[in-house]
C-alpha atoms as a PDB file:
ATOM      1  CA  MET A   1       0.000   0.000   0.000  1.00  0.00           C
ATOM      2  CA  ILE A   2       1.298   3.444  -0.935  1.00  0.00           C
ATOM      3  CA  PRO A   3       1.179   5.886   2.018  1.00  0.00           C
ATOM      4  CA  LEU A   4      -0.490   9.220   1.380  1.00  0.00           C
ATOM      5  CA  SER A   5       1.665  12.294   1.711  1.00  0.00           C
ATOM      6  CA  ARG A   6       1.180  14.440   4.797  1.00  0.00           C
ATOM      7  CA  ARG A   7       0.687  17.453   2.508  1.00  0.00           C
ATOM      8  CA  HIS A   8      -2.149  15.709   0.639  1.00  0.00           C
ATOM      9  CA  LEU A   9      -3.873  14.654   3.852  1.00  0.00           C
ATOM     10  CA  LEU A  10      -3.726  18.180   5.260  1.00  0.00           C
ATOM     11  CA  GLN A  11      -4.997  19.752   2.036  1.00  0.00           C
ATOM     12  CA  THR A  12      -7.962  17.402   1.811  1.00  0.00           C
ATOM     13  CA  PHE A  13      -8.801  17.837   5.499  1.00  0.00           C
ATOM     14  CA  ALA A  14      -8.534  21.619   5.246  1.00  0.00           C
ATOM     15  CA  ALA A  15     -10.831  21.771   2.209  1.00  0.00           C
ATOM     16  CA  ALA A  16     -13.417  19.656   3.991  1.00  0.00           C
ATOM     17  CA  MET A  17     -13.275  21.670   7.211  1.00  0.00           C
ATOM     18  CA  THR A  18     -13.541  24.938   5.292  1.00  0.00           C
ATOM     19  CA  ALA A  19     -16.741  23.668   3.683  1.00  0.00           C
ATOM     20  CA  GLY A  20     -18.126  22.576   7.047  1.00  0.00           C
ATOM     21  CA  VAL A  21     -18.706  18.954   6.062  1.00  0.00           C
ATOM     22  CA  ALA A  22     -16.101  16.294   6.759  1.00  0.00           C
ATOM     23  CA  LEU A  23     -15.135  13.879   4.032  1.00  0.00           C
ATOM     24  CA  PRO A  24     -15.910  10.221   4.685  1.00  0.00           C
ATOM     25  CA  ILE A  25     -13.018   8.553   6.442  1.00  0.00           C
ATOM     26  CA  HIS A  26     -12.111   6.459   3.420  1.00  0.00           C
ATOM     27  CA  ALA A  27     -11.980   9.386   0.956  1.00  0.00           C
ATOM     28  CA  ASN A  28      -8.191   9.403   0.849  1.00  0.00           C
ATOM     29  CA  GLU A  29      -7.850   5.645   0.551  1.00  0.00           C
ATOM     30  CA  ARG A  30     -10.263   4.714  -2.226  1.00  0.00           C
ATOM     31  CA  PHE A  31      -8.095   5.842  -5.148  1.00  0.00           C
ATOM     32  CA  ARG A  32      -4.416   5.702  -4.285  1.00  0.00           C
ATOM     33  CA  ARG A  33      -2.114   6.702  -7.116  1.00  0.00           C
ATOM     34  CA  ILE A  34       1.514   5.937  -7.854  1.00  0.00           C
ATOM     35  CA  ASN A  35       3.211   8.864  -9.611  1.00  0.00           C
ATOM     36  CA  PRO A  36      -0.024  10.908 -10.046  1.00  0.00           C
ATOM     37  CA  ARG A  37      -0.017  13.085 -13.171  1.00  0.00           C
ATOM     38  CA  ILE A  38      -2.110  14.637 -15.910  1.00  0.00           C
ATOM     39  CA  LYS A  39      -1.789  12.053 -18.655  1.00  0.00           C
ATOM     40  CA  GLY A  40      -2.994  14.276 -21.470  1.00  0.00           C
ATOM     41  CA  ILE A  41      -6.076  15.956 -22.909  1.00  0.00           C
ATOM     42  CA  SER A  42      -9.323  14.293 -23.940  1.00  0.00           C
ATOM     43  CA  LEU A  43     -12.222  15.931 -25.782  1.00  0.00           C
ATOM     44  CA  SER A  44     -15.843  15.232 -24.924  1.00  0.00           C
ATOM     45  CA  ALA A  45     -18.140  14.445 -27.842  1.00  0.00           C
ATOM     46  CA  TYR A  46     -20.688  16.685 -26.121  1.00  0.00           C
ATOM     47  CA  SER A  47     -18.530  19.626 -27.171  1.00  0.00           C
ATOM     48  CA  LEU A  48     -19.562  19.056 -30.802  1.00  0.00           C
ATOM     49  CA  ARG A  49     -23.287  18.533 -30.104  1.00  0.00           C
ATOM     50  CA  PRO A  50     -24.527  21.146 -32.674  1.00  0.00           C
ATOM     51  CA  HIS A  51     -22.808  19.160 -35.426  1.00  0.00           C
ATOM     52  CA  MET A  52     -23.597  15.569 -34.399  1.00  0.00           C
ATOM     53  CA  GLN A  53     -25.871  13.395 -36.583  1.00  0.00           C
ATOM     54  CA  TRP A  54     -27.792  11.849 -33.698  1.00  0.00           C
ATOM     55  CA  TRP A  55     -29.419  13.133 -30.528  1.00  0.00           C
ATOM     56  CA  LYS A  56     -30.821  10.551 -28.099  1.00  0.00           C
ATOM     57  CA  GLY A  57     -31.897   8.152 -30.829  1.00  0.00           C
ATOM     58  CA  LYS A  58     -33.161  10.717 -33.335  1.00  0.00           C
ATOM     59  CA  ARG A  59     -31.495  11.959 -36.530  1.00  0.00           C
ATOM     60  CA  THR A  60     -30.537  15.611 -36.663  1.00  0.00           C
ATOM     61  CA  SER A  61     -29.335  17.945 -39.388  1.00  0.00           C
ATOM     62  CA  GLY A  62     -25.760  17.477 -38.160  1.00  0.00           C
ATOM     63  CA  LYS A  63     -23.070  15.929 -40.365  1.00  0.00           C
ATOM     64  CA  MET A  64     -20.695  14.383 -37.812  1.00  0.00           C
ATOM     65  CA  ASP A  65     -20.980  10.774 -36.654  1.00  0.00           C
ATOM     66  CA  MET A  66     -18.879   9.194 -33.910  1.00  0.00           C
ATOM     67  CA  LEU A  67     -16.228   8.100 -36.407  1.00  0.00           C
ATOM     68  CA  GLY A  68     -15.979  11.663 -37.673  1.00  0.00           C
ATOM     69  CA  PHE A  69     -15.655  12.892 -34.103  1.00  0.00           C
ATOM     70  CA  LEU A  70     -12.640  10.631 -33.597  1.00  0.00           C
ATOM     71  CA  ASP A  71     -11.135  11.981 -36.828  1.00  0.00           C
ATOM     72  CA  TYR A  72     -11.625  15.498 -35.471  1.00  0.00           C
ATOM     73  CA  CYS A  73      -9.873  14.558 -32.226  1.00  0.00           C
ATOM     74  CA  ALA A  74      -6.933  13.243 -34.237  1.00  0.00           C
ATOM     75  CA  ASP A  75      -6.815  16.435 -36.318  1.00  0.00           C
ATOM     76  CA  LEU A  76      -6.690  18.506 -33.121  1.00  0.00           C
ATOM     77  CA  GLY A  77      -3.891  16.375 -31.718  1.00  0.00           C
ATOM     78  CA  VAL A  78      -5.643  15.478 -28.469  1.00  0.00           C
ATOM     79  CA  GLU A  79      -4.645  12.199 -26.875  1.00  0.00           C
ATOM     80  CA  ALA A  80      -8.085  10.831 -26.024  1.00  0.00           C
ATOM     81  CA  ALA A  81     -11.841  11.109 -26.540  1.00  0.00           C
ATOM     82  CA  GLU A  82     -14.845  10.874 -24.232  1.00  0.00           C
ATOM     83  CA  LEU A  83     -17.797   9.299 -26.046  1.00  0.00           C
ATOM     84  CA  THR A  84     -21.344  10.383 -25.200  1.00  0.00           C
ATOM     85  CA  SER A  85     -24.280   7.994 -25.574  1.00  0.00           C
ATOM     86  CA  TYR A  86     -26.541  10.692 -27.069  1.00  0.00           C
ATOM     87  CA  PHE A  87     -24.645  10.725 -30.347  1.00  0.00           C
ATOM     88  CA  PHE A  88     -24.637   7.046 -31.294  1.00  0.00           C
ATOM     89  CA  PRO A  89     -27.038   5.838 -34.004  1.00  0.00           C
ATOM     90  CA  ALA A  90     -30.258   4.073 -33.124  1.00  0.00           C
ATOM     91  CA  PRO A  91     -30.702   1.190 -33.267  1.00  0.00           C
ATOM     92  CA  LEU A  92     -27.122   0.521 -32.216  1.00  0.00           C
ATOM     93  CA  ASP A  93     -25.452  -2.753 -33.067  1.00  0.00           C
ATOM     94  CA  LYS A  94     -22.120  -4.168 -32.016  1.00  0.00           C
ATOM     95  CA  SER A  95     -20.623  -3.852 -35.492  1.00  0.00           C
ATOM     96  CA  TYR A  96     -20.796  -0.054 -35.193  1.00  0.00           C
ATOM     97  CA  LEU A  97     -19.184  -0.165 -31.747  1.00  0.00           C
ATOM     98  CA  ASN A  98     -16.408  -2.290 -33.228  1.00  0.00           C
ATOM     99  CA  LYS A  99     -15.860   0.291 -35.985  1.00  0.00           C
ATOM    100  CA  VAL A 100     -15.569   3.042 -33.373  1.00  0.00           C
ATOM    101  CA  LYS A 101     -13.146   1.000 -31.296  1.00  0.00           C
ATOM    102  CA  ARG A 102     -11.030   0.205 -34.345  1.00  0.00           C
ATOM    103  CA  ARG A 103     -10.991   3.808 -35.574  1.00  0.00           C
ATOM    104  CA  ALA A 104      -9.852   5.086 -32.192  1.00  0.00           C
ATOM    105  CA  HIS A 105      -7.014   2.575 -32.064  1.00  0.00           C
ATOM    106  CA  VAL A 106      -5.839   3.234 -35.623  1.00  0.00           C
ATOM    107  CA  LEU A 107      -5.835   6.993 -34.957  1.00  0.00           C
ATOM    108  CA  GLY A 108      -3.930   6.556 -31.700  1.00  0.00           C
ATOM    109  CA  ILE A 109      -6.828   8.011 -29.694  1.00  0.00           C
ATOM    110  CA  ASP A 110      -7.523   6.517 -26.268  1.00  0.00           C
ATOM    111  CA  ILE A 111     -11.149   6.209 -25.194  1.00  0.00           C
ATOM    112  CA  SER A 112     -10.803   7.972 -21.862  1.00  0.00           C
ATOM    113  CA  GLY A 113     -14.369   7.254 -20.837  1.00  0.00           C
ATOM    114  CA  GLY A 114     -18.021   7.380 -21.732  1.00  0.00           C
ATOM    115  CA  ALA A 115     -21.058   9.389 -20.701  1.00  0.00           C
ATOM    116  CA  MET A 116     -24.701   8.377 -20.498  1.00  0.00           C
ATOM    117  CA  GLY A 117     -27.880  10.295 -19.704  1.00  0.00           C
ATOM    118  CA  ASN A 118     -29.260   7.979 -17.035  1.00  0.00           C
ATOM    119  CA  SER A 119     -31.158   8.664 -13.816  1.00  0.00           C
ATOM    120  CA  PHE A 120     -30.859   6.870 -10.477  1.00  0.00           C
ATOM    121  CA  ALA A 121     -33.604   8.978  -8.886  1.00  0.00           C
ATOM    122  CA  TYR A 122     -36.546   6.554  -9.094  1.00  0.00           C
ATOM    123  CA  GLU A 123     -37.381   3.755  -6.679  1.00  0.00           C
ATOM    124  CA  PRO A 124     -35.617   0.662  -8.050  1.00  0.00           C
ATOM    125  CA  GLN A 125     -38.779  -1.469  -8.228  1.00  0.00           C
ATOM    126  CA  SER A 126     -40.977   1.200  -9.825  1.00  0.00           C
ATOM    127  CA  GLU A 127     -41.759   1.092 -13.533  1.00  0.00           C
ATOM    128  CA  GLU A 128     -39.533   4.121 -14.113  1.00  0.00           C
ATOM    129  CA  GLY A 129     -36.784   2.601 -11.987  1.00  0.00           C
ATOM    130  CA  ARG A 130     -36.789  -0.675 -13.914  1.00  0.00           C
ATOM    131  CA  SER A 131     -36.722   1.212 -17.222  1.00  0.00           C
ATOM    132  CA  ALA A 132     -33.836   3.373 -16.020  1.00  0.00           C
ATOM    133  CA  SER A 133     -31.956   0.263 -14.889  1.00  0.00           C
ATOM    134  CA  GLY A 134     -32.366  -1.331 -18.317  1.00  0.00           C
ATOM    135  CA  HIS A 135     -31.056   1.813 -20.001  1.00  0.00           C
ATOM    136  CA  PHE A 136     -28.100   1.895 -17.625  1.00  0.00           C
ATOM    137  CA  ARG A 137     -27.170  -1.747 -18.212  1.00  0.00           C
ATOM    138  CA  SER A 138     -27.394  -1.496 -21.986  1.00  0.00           C
ATOM    139  CA  TRP A 139     -24.999   1.447 -22.029  1.00  0.00           C
ATOM    140  CA  ILE A 140     -22.617  -0.134 -19.557  1.00  0.00           C
ATOM    141  CA  ASP A 141     -22.475  -3.073 -21.969  1.00  0.00           C
ATOM    142  CA  HIS A 142     -21.809  -0.758 -24.915  1.00  0.00           C
ATOM    143  CA  PHE A 143     -19.053   1.158 -23.138  1.00  0.00           C
ATOM    144  CA  ALA A 144     -17.485  -2.050 -21.855  1.00  0.00           C
ATOM    145  CA  ASP A 145     -17.404  -3.345 -25.447  1.00  0.00           C
ATOM    146  CA  LEU A 146     -15.668  -0.105 -26.458  1.00  0.00           C
ATOM    147  CA  GLY A 147     -13.085  -0.527 -23.701  1.00  0.00           C
ATOM    148  CA  ALA A 148     -14.079   2.599 -21.751  1.00  0.00           C
ATOM    149  CA  PRO A 149     -12.593   2.343 -18.235  1.00  0.00           C
ATOM    150  CA  ALA A 150     -15.070   4.753 -16.617  1.00  0.00           C
ATOM    151  CA  VAL A 151     -18.500   6.166 -17.400  1.00  0.00           C
ATOM    152  CA  ARG A 152     -20.106   9.419 -16.312  1.00  0.00           C
ATOM    153  CA  VAL A 153     -23.511   8.826 -14.682  1.00  0.00           C
ATOM    154  CA  PHE A 154     -26.179  11.166 -13.359  1.00  0.00           C
ATOM    155  CA  ALA A 155     -27.994  10.907 -10.060  1.00  0.00           C
ATOM    156  CA  SER A 156     -31.164  12.714 -11.046  1.00  0.00           C
ATOM    157  CA  SER A 157     -31.335  13.901 -14.655  1.00  0.00           C
ATOM    158  CA  GLY A 158     -34.980  12.850 -14.319  1.00  0.00           C
ATOM    159  CA  LYS A 159     -36.755  12.448 -10.975  1.00  0.00           C
ATOM    160  CA  PRO A 160     -40.177  11.527  -9.576  1.00  0.00           C
ATOM    161  CA  LYS A 161     -42.687  14.358  -9.376  1.00  0.00           C
ATOM    162  CA  GLN A 162     -43.047  15.850  -5.892  1.00  0.00           C
ATOM    163  CA  ALA A 163     -40.167  13.744  -4.563  1.00  0.00           C
ATOM    164  CA  THR A 164     -38.186  15.375  -1.779  1.00  0.00           C
ATOM    165  CA  GLU A 165     -34.408  15.692  -1.974  1.00  0.00           C
ATOM    166  CA  GLU A 166     -34.154  13.115   0.813  1.00  0.00           C
ATOM    167  CA  GLN A 167     -36.251  10.602  -1.151  1.00  0.00           C
ATOM    168  CA  VAL A 168     -34.172  11.166  -4.272  1.00  0.00           C
ATOM    169  CA  ILE A 169     -30.912  10.645  -2.381  1.00  0.00           C
ATOM    170  CA  GLU A 170     -32.243   7.423  -0.850  1.00  0.00           C
ATOM    171  CA  ASN A 171     -33.240   6.205  -4.325  1.00  0.00           C
ATOM    172  CA  VAL A 172     -29.836   7.129  -5.757  1.00  0.00           C
ATOM    173  CA  VAL A 173     -28.072   5.097  -3.066  1.00  0.00           C
ATOM    174  CA  ALA A 174     -30.418   2.131  -3.568  1.00  0.00           C
ATOM    175  CA  ASN A 175     -29.935   2.163  -7.341  1.00  0.00           C
ATOM    176  CA  LEU A 176     -26.164   2.484  -7.073  1.00  0.00           C
ATOM    177  CA  GLU A 177     -26.035  -0.554  -4.805  1.00  0.00           C
ATOM    178  CA  ILE A 178     -27.734  -2.484  -7.625  1.00  0.00           C
ATOM    179  CA  ALA A 179     -25.798  -0.866 -10.473  1.00  0.00           C
ATOM    180  CA  LEU A 180     -22.270  -1.134  -9.099  1.00  0.00           C
ATOM    181  CA  PRO A 181     -22.013  -4.952  -9.064  1.00  0.00           C
ATOM    182  CA  TYR A 182     -23.066  -4.994 -12.726  1.00  0.00           C
ATOM    183  CA  ALA A 183     -20.576  -2.284 -13.632  1.00  0.00           C
ATOM    184  CA  GLU A 184     -17.842  -4.168 -11.778  1.00  0.00           C
ATOM    185  CA  LYS A 185     -18.744  -7.348 -13.647  1.00  0.00           C
ATOM    186  CA  ARG A 186     -18.235  -5.485 -16.927  1.00  0.00           C
ATOM    187  CA  GLY A 187     -15.052  -3.794 -15.685  1.00  0.00           C
ATOM    188  CA  VAL A 188     -16.392  -0.228 -15.829  1.00  0.00           C
ATOM    189  CA  MET A 189     -16.072   2.363 -13.056  1.00  0.00           C
ATOM    190  CA  LEU A 190     -18.942   4.782 -12.399  1.00  0.00           C
ATOM    191  CA  GLY A 191     -18.276   8.483 -11.957  1.00  0.00           C
ATOM    192  CA  LEU A 192     -21.157  10.426 -10.377  1.00  0.00           C
ATOM    193  CA  GLU A 193     -21.136  13.902 -11.898  1.00  0.00           C
ATOM    194  CA  ASN A 194     -21.757  16.946  -9.735  1.00  0.00           C
ATOM    195  CA  HIS A 195     -24.906  17.712 -11.710  1.00  0.00           C
ATOM    196  CA  ASP A 196     -28.611  18.258 -10.985  1.00  0.00           C
ATOM    197  CA  ILE A 197     -29.223  17.485  -7.300  1.00  0.00           C
ATOM    198  CA  LEU A 198     -25.512  16.757  -6.860  1.00  0.00           C
ATOM    199  CA  LYS A 199     -24.547  20.322  -7.656  1.00  0.00           C
ATOM    200  CA  ASN A 200     -24.988  20.466  -3.902  1.00  0.00           C
ATOM    201  CA  ILE A 201     -21.625  19.003  -2.923  1.00  0.00           C
ATOM    202  CA  ASP A 202     -22.928  18.024   0.518  1.00  0.00           C
ATOM    203  CA  HIS A 203     -25.273  15.557  -1.193  1.00  0.00           C
ATOM    204  CA  LEU A 204     -22.480  14.127  -3.322  1.00  0.00           C
ATOM    205  CA  VAL A 205     -20.112  13.684  -0.373  1.00  0.00           C
ATOM    206  CA  ARG A 206     -22.908  12.033   1.607  1.00  0.00           C
ATOM    207  CA  ILE A 207     -23.604   9.462  -1.125  1.00  0.00           C
ATOM    208  CA  LEU A 208     -19.911   8.688  -1.514  1.00  0.00           C
ATOM    209  CA  GLY A 209     -19.711   8.119   2.225  1.00  0.00           C
ATOM    210  CA  GLN A 210     -22.645   5.704   2.216  1.00  0.00           C
ATOM    211  CA  ILE A 211     -21.299   3.464  -0.560  1.00  0.00           C
ATOM    212  CA  ASP A 212     -17.840   2.052   0.016  1.00  0.00           C
ATOM    213  CA  SER A 213     -17.015   0.694  -3.432  1.00  0.00           C
ATOM    214  CA  PRO A 214     -13.740   1.005  -5.360  1.00  0.00           C
ATOM    215  CA  TRP A 215     -15.890   1.107  -8.523  1.00  0.00           C
ATOM    216  CA  LEU A 216     -17.628   4.377  -7.567  1.00  0.00           C
ATOM    217  CA  GLY A 217     -15.996   7.774  -7.887  1.00  0.00           C
ATOM    218  CA  VAL A 218     -16.714  11.256  -9.210  1.00  0.00           C
ATOM    219  CA  THR A 219     -16.863  12.766 -12.646  1.00  0.00           C
ATOM    220  CA  TRP A 220     -15.401  16.078 -11.518  1.00  0.00           C
ATOM    221  CA  ASP A 221     -17.095  18.861 -13.478  1.00  0.00           C
ATOM    222  CA  SER A 222     -15.457  22.252 -13.048  1.00  0.00           C
ATOM    223  CA  ALA A 223     -18.652  24.251 -13.656  1.00  0.00           C
ATOM    224  CA  ASN A 224     -21.652  22.416 -12.175  1.00  0.00           C
ATOM    225  CA  LEU A 225     -22.183  23.815  -8.685  1.00  0.00           C
ATOM    226  CA  GLU A 226     -24.883  25.475  -6.656  1.00  0.00           C
ATOM    227  CA  PRO A 227     -24.332  29.243  -6.245  1.00  0.00           C
ATOM    228  CA  THR A 228     -21.231  29.750  -4.114  1.00  0.00           C
ATOM    229  CA  PRO A 229     -18.695  32.549  -3.715  1.00  0.00           C
ATOM    230  CA  ASP A 230     -15.817  30.068  -3.980  1.00  0.00           C
ATOM    231  CA  PRO A 231     -16.414  27.264  -6.516  1.00  0.00           C
ATOM    232  CA  TYR A 232     -12.774  26.221  -6.250  1.00  0.00           C
ATOM    233  CA  ALA A 233     -13.143  25.317  -2.567  1.00  0.00           C
ATOM    234  CA  GLU A 234     -16.204  23.209  -3.381  1.00  0.00           C
ATOM    235  CA  LEU A 235     -14.376  21.435  -6.200  1.00  0.00           C
ATOM    236  CA  ALA A 236     -11.432  20.693  -3.892  1.00  0.00           C
ATOM    237  CA  ARG A 237     -13.779  18.782  -1.591  1.00  0.00           C
ATOM    238  CA  ILE A 238     -14.594  16.158  -4.230  1.00  0.00           C
ATOM    239  CA  ALA A 239     -11.290  16.100  -6.119  1.00  0.00           C
ATOM    240  CA  PRO A 240      -9.929  13.131  -4.072  1.00  0.00           C
ATOM    241  CA  TYR A 241     -12.739  11.019  -5.573  1.00  0.00           C
ATOM    242  CA  ALA A 242     -12.218  12.114  -9.183  1.00  0.00           C
ATOM    243  CA  ILE A 243     -11.855   9.257 -11.659  1.00  0.00           C
ATOM    244  CA  THR A 244     -12.555  11.534 -14.624  1.00  0.00           C
ATOM    245  CA  ALA A 245     -12.233  15.319 -14.717  1.00  0.00           C
ATOM    246  CA  GLN A 246     -13.970  17.754 -17.052  1.00  0.00           C
ATOM    247  CA  LEU A 247     -12.651  21.253 -17.681  1.00  0.00           C
ATOM    248  CA  LYS A 248     -14.942  23.978 -19.010  1.00  0.00           C
ATOM    249  CA  VAL A 249     -14.303  27.471 -20.294  1.00  0.00           C
ATOM    250  CA  MET A 250     -16.543  29.005 -17.639  1.00  0.00           C
ATOM    251  CA  THR A 251     -17.320  28.303 -14.003  1.00  0.00           C
ATOM    252  CA  ASN A 252     -19.928  29.910 -11.730  1.00  0.00           C
ATOM    253  CA  VAL A 253     -19.258  32.395  -8.944  1.00  0.00           C
ATOM    254  CA  ASN A 254     -22.380  33.130  -6.896  1.00  0.00           C
ATOM    255  CA  GLY A 255     -24.344  31.536  -9.726  1.00  0.00           C
ATOM    256  CA  LYS A 256     -22.939  33.844 -12.417  1.00  0.00           C
ATOM    257  CA  PRO A 257     -20.856  32.495 -15.328  1.00  0.00           C
ATOM    258  CA  THR A 258     -17.232  33.553 -14.867  1.00  0.00           C
ATOM    259  CA  PRO A 259     -14.129  32.692 -16.942  1.00  0.00           C
ATOM    260  CA  ALA A 260     -12.516  29.648 -15.372  1.00  0.00           C
ATOM    261  CA  ASP A 261      -9.052  29.850 -13.846  1.00  0.00           C
ATOM    262  CA  LEU A 262      -7.633  26.796 -15.615  1.00  0.00           C
ATOM    263  CA  PRO A 263      -4.280  26.730 -13.744  1.00  0.00           C
ATOM    264  CA  ARG A 264      -6.137  26.853 -10.433  1.00  0.00           C
ATOM    265  CA  LEU A 265      -8.473  24.032 -11.477  1.00  0.00           C
ATOM    266  CA  LEU A 266      -5.548  21.885 -12.574  1.00  0.00           C
ATOM    267  CA  GLN A 267      -3.737  22.596  -9.310  1.00  0.00           C
ATOM    268  CA  ILE A 268      -6.758  21.313  -7.383  1.00  0.00           C
ATOM    269  CA  LEU A 269      -6.552  18.055  -9.318  1.00  0.00           C
ATOM    270  CA  LYS A 270      -2.799  17.852  -8.792  1.00  0.00           C
ATOM    271  CA  ASP A 271      -3.121  18.436  -5.041  1.00  0.00           C
ATOM    272  CA  ALA A 272      -5.700  15.630  -4.900  1.00  0.00           C
ATOM    273  CA  GLN A 273      -3.219  13.326  -6.696  1.00  0.00           C
ATOM    274  CA  PHE A 274      -5.485  12.898  -9.708  1.00  0.00           C
ATOM    275  CA  SER A 275      -4.089  10.724 -12.487  1.00  0.00           C
ATOM    276  CA  GLY A 276      -5.470  10.534 -15.988  1.00  0.00           C
ATOM    277  CA  TYR A 277      -6.778  12.665 -18.806  1.00  0.00           C
ATOM    278  CA  VAL A 278      -8.489  15.994 -18.317  1.00  0.00           C
ATOM    279  CA  VAL A 279     -11.555  16.150 -20.550  1.00  0.00           C
ATOM    280  CA  LEU A 280     -12.374  19.395 -22.329  1.00  0.00           C
ATOM    281  CA  GLU A 281     -16.133  19.882 -22.511  1.00  0.00           C
ATOM    282  CA  TYR A 282     -17.165  22.960 -24.465  1.00  0.00           C
ATOM    283  CA  GLU A 283     -20.681  24.306 -23.793  1.00  0.00           C
ATOM    284  CA  GLU A 284     -20.624  27.989 -24.783  1.00  0.00           C
ATOM    285  CA  LYS A 285     -22.420  29.749 -27.666  1.00  0.00           C
ATOM    286  CA  GLU A 286     -19.489  30.268 -30.040  1.00  0.00           C
ATOM    287  CA  ASP A 287     -19.294  27.650 -32.770  1.00  0.00           C
ATOM    288  CA  PRO A 288     -17.288  24.682 -31.440  1.00  0.00           C
ATOM    289  CA  TYR A 289     -15.068  24.554 -34.516  1.00  0.00           C
ATOM    290  CA  GLU A 290     -13.939  28.106 -33.757  1.00  0.00           C
ATOM    291  CA  ALA A 291     -13.831  27.857 -29.966  1.00  0.00           C
ATOM    292  CA  ILE A 292     -12.398  24.406 -29.237  1.00  0.00           C
ATOM    293  CA  PRO A 293      -8.917  25.007 -30.749  1.00  0.00           C
ATOM    294  CA  LYS A 294      -8.582  28.157 -28.609  1.00  0.00           C
ATOM    295  CA  PHE A 295      -9.786  26.295 -25.514  1.00  0.00           C
ATOM    296  CA  LEU A 296      -7.324  23.499 -26.254  1.00  0.00           C
ATOM    297  CA  THR A 297      -4.432  25.979 -26.504  1.00  0.00           C
ATOM    298  CA  GLN A 298      -5.404  27.508 -23.151  1.00  0.00           C
ATOM    299  CA  ALA A 299      -5.556  24.078 -21.516  1.00  0.00           C
ATOM    300  CA  ARG A 300      -2.195  23.015 -22.945  1.00  0.00           C
ATOM    301  CA  THR A 301      -0.593  26.231 -21.737  1.00  0.00           C
ATOM    302  CA  ALA A 302      -2.048  25.748 -18.266  1.00  0.00           C
ATOM    303  CA  ILE A 303      -0.804  22.155 -18.063  1.00  0.00           C
ATOM    304  CA  ALA A 304       2.660  23.147 -19.293  1.00  0.00           C
ATOM    305  CA  SER A 305       2.894  25.842 -16.605  1.00  0.00           C
ATOM    306  CA  MET A 306       2.126  23.522 -13.694  1.00  0.00           C
ATOM    307  CA  ASP A 307       4.872  23.251 -11.097  1.00  0.00           C
END
């Protein structure tokens, strides 16, 4: 077992105490890294959503399919790609997944992870819960076939009407306890994104503390937070759990979009001993083809300047 550095322990403890909610006792032990480092840059397919051919099973006016997205990643010179379920054709057969997997390998692009639009907010035995579970399993199978090591999942992208936050959290925990053994069987880690109800970092930390599984971590999103004067302190609280990390052009200060401090975000990940790709996810109004190369240059400069 690799001992954690005293500096890392103190930083994590300080971030938690500043926020007023202690991290679960196992937060520093779940994902121990040897020689932690930023491995490179990945691009999320969601960044190209205005140009994609498919959206949640329906054809669009877009021209780019998932193979074209991988070609674009190669043209940009990024090292990896994050594949989003929304943009795959429907119906989806394994031959198409095999083509995507082959294209990525031939281009030298790693599949850093996947992303699905699931919901764990319904009671597991309800009709909605069973449907959501089927959707989850089918996409875990697809991403496992693609060789994705981790998949971004949502807690509550959809939720029961009139359900309280407490009921939703209880349902999320119950569904994760069912979902995680299946994900482990397929060799895929689950990263809960700080999104929807989990923009409240207290809720996210609570769920992580209730489920002690090495297959559950966080998809660390640099922008999705409830209004707070210091988003960086909130992000530091969950960075020790990050198994994937998404960087965005903007973050939110007191609920208002504000240009992100990329070096500061990367330093938070470094202090938490994150290892892996950082995923660029572009969501702003400028056309992605114009904006992404500039965003990529900013991210590369920030990584190169890290101490």
